[in-house]
Amino acid sequence: MASKQQAGIIYRTSLPLTAGKYSLRISLTHPINAHQQALFFDIVETAHVFEVLPNATAKFRTRVYLPHTLNIKVS
């Protein structure tokens, strides 16, 4: 990106979480080796805090593929 440009990123996924309090950590990285090493440009340790309320009708699986979307807008 050029100097003074900004990027907005929207990341959406479904999280099969049990009831409790959670926080998200966000890292801006560039991979060096696939799934092994990366250069870290920025880290936000507690980017968002949220709570999942109990749901008596939900069924949780230990392994599941969760599709996600990523939208980036540079201005």
Protein backbone atom coordinates (compact mmCIF):
# COMPACT_ATOMS: atom_id res chain seq x y z
CA MET A 1 0.00 0.00 0.00
CA ALA A 2 1.07 3.55 -0.57
CA SER A 3 1.72 6.00 2.23
CA LYS A 4 -1.51 7.22 3.91
CA GLN A 5 -3.62 4.52 2.28
CA GLN A 6 -5.97 2.58 4.53
CA ALA A 7 -7.39 -0.91 4.25
CA GLY A 8 -10.63 -2.20 5.71
CA ILE A 9 -10.89 -5.94 6.23
CA ILE A 10 -14.06 -7.91 6.97
CA TYR A 11 -13.52 -11.53 8.04
CA ARG A 12 -16.57 -13.70 8.64
CA THR A 13 -16.72 -17.23 9.98
CA SER A 14 -18.93 -19.42 12.13
CA LEU A 15 -17.40 -20.39 15.43
CA PRO A 16 -18.79 -23.53 17.13
CA LEU A 17 -18.02 -22.31 20.64
CA THR A 18 -19.46 -23.50 23.92
CA ALA A 19 -20.83 -21.01 26.42
CA GLY A 20 -18.18 -18.73 27.89
CA LYS A 21 -16.12 -15.56 27.41
CA TYR A 22 -13.68 -15.27 24.50
CA SER A 23 -11.33 -12.74 22.90
CA LEU A 24 -9.87 -12.50 19.40
CA ARG A 25 -6.18 -11.86 18.65
CA ILE A 26 -5.34 -10.43 15.23
CA SER A 27 -1.93 -10.61 13.54
CA LEU A 28 -0.83 -8.99 10.28
CA THR A 29 1.81 -11.29 8.80
CA HIS A 30 3.63 -12.29 5.65
CA PRO A 31 4.48 -16.00 5.30
CA ILE A 32 8.11 -17.08 4.90
CA ASN A 33 7.49 -20.84 4.76
CA ALA A 34 3.99 -22.26 4.33
CA HIS A 35 2.46 -22.97 7.76
CA GLN A 36 5.86 -22.68 9.50
CA GLN A 37 7.24 -19.13 9.79
CA ALA A 38 6.02 -15.61 9.16
CA LEU A 39 7.14 -12.00 9.45
CA PHE A 40 4.88 -10.21 11.95
CA PHE A 41 4.02 -6.60 11.05
CA ASP A 42 1.37 -5.91 13.70
CA ILE A 43 -0.38 -7.78 16.52
CA VAL A 44 -3.52 -6.73 18.39
CA GLU A 45 -3.58 -8.95 21.49
CA THR A 46 -7.22 -8.29 22.44
CA ALA A 47 -8.97 -7.11 19.27
CA HIS A 48 -12.50 -8.05 20.31
CA VAL A 49 -14.02 -9.52 23.49
CA PHE A 50 -17.33 -11.38 23.34
CA GLU A 51 -19.45 -13.86 25.28
CA VAL A 52 -21.27 -16.92 23.99
CA LEU A 53 -24.50 -17.65 25.83
CA PRO A 54 -25.66 -21.22 26.59
CA ASN A 55 -27.80 -22.95 23.97
CA ALA A 56 -29.58 -26.10 25.12
CA THR A 57 -30.47 -27.19 21.56
CA ALA A 58 -27.01 -26.85 19.97
CA LYS A 59 -24.84 -29.85 19.07
CA PHE A 60 -21.07 -29.39 19.00
CA ARG A 61 -18.57 -31.43 17.01
CA THR A 62 -14.89 -31.74 17.89
CA ARG A 63 -13.74 -31.36 14.26
CA VAL A 64 -15.52 -29.40 11.61
CA TYR A 65 -14.67 -27.40 8.47
CA LEU A 66 -15.91 -23.84 8.77
CA PRO A 67 -16.08 -21.84 5.55
CA HIS A 68 -15.16 -18.17 5.88
CA THR A 69 -15.10 -15.03 3.76
CA LEU A 70 -12.50 -12.28 3.57
CA ASN A 71 -13.17 -8.87 1.99
CA ILE A 72 -10.43 -6.21 1.69
CA LYS A 73 -11.08 -2.61 0.64
CA VAL A 74 -8.12 -0.25 0.12
CA SER A 75 -8.76 3.51 0.04
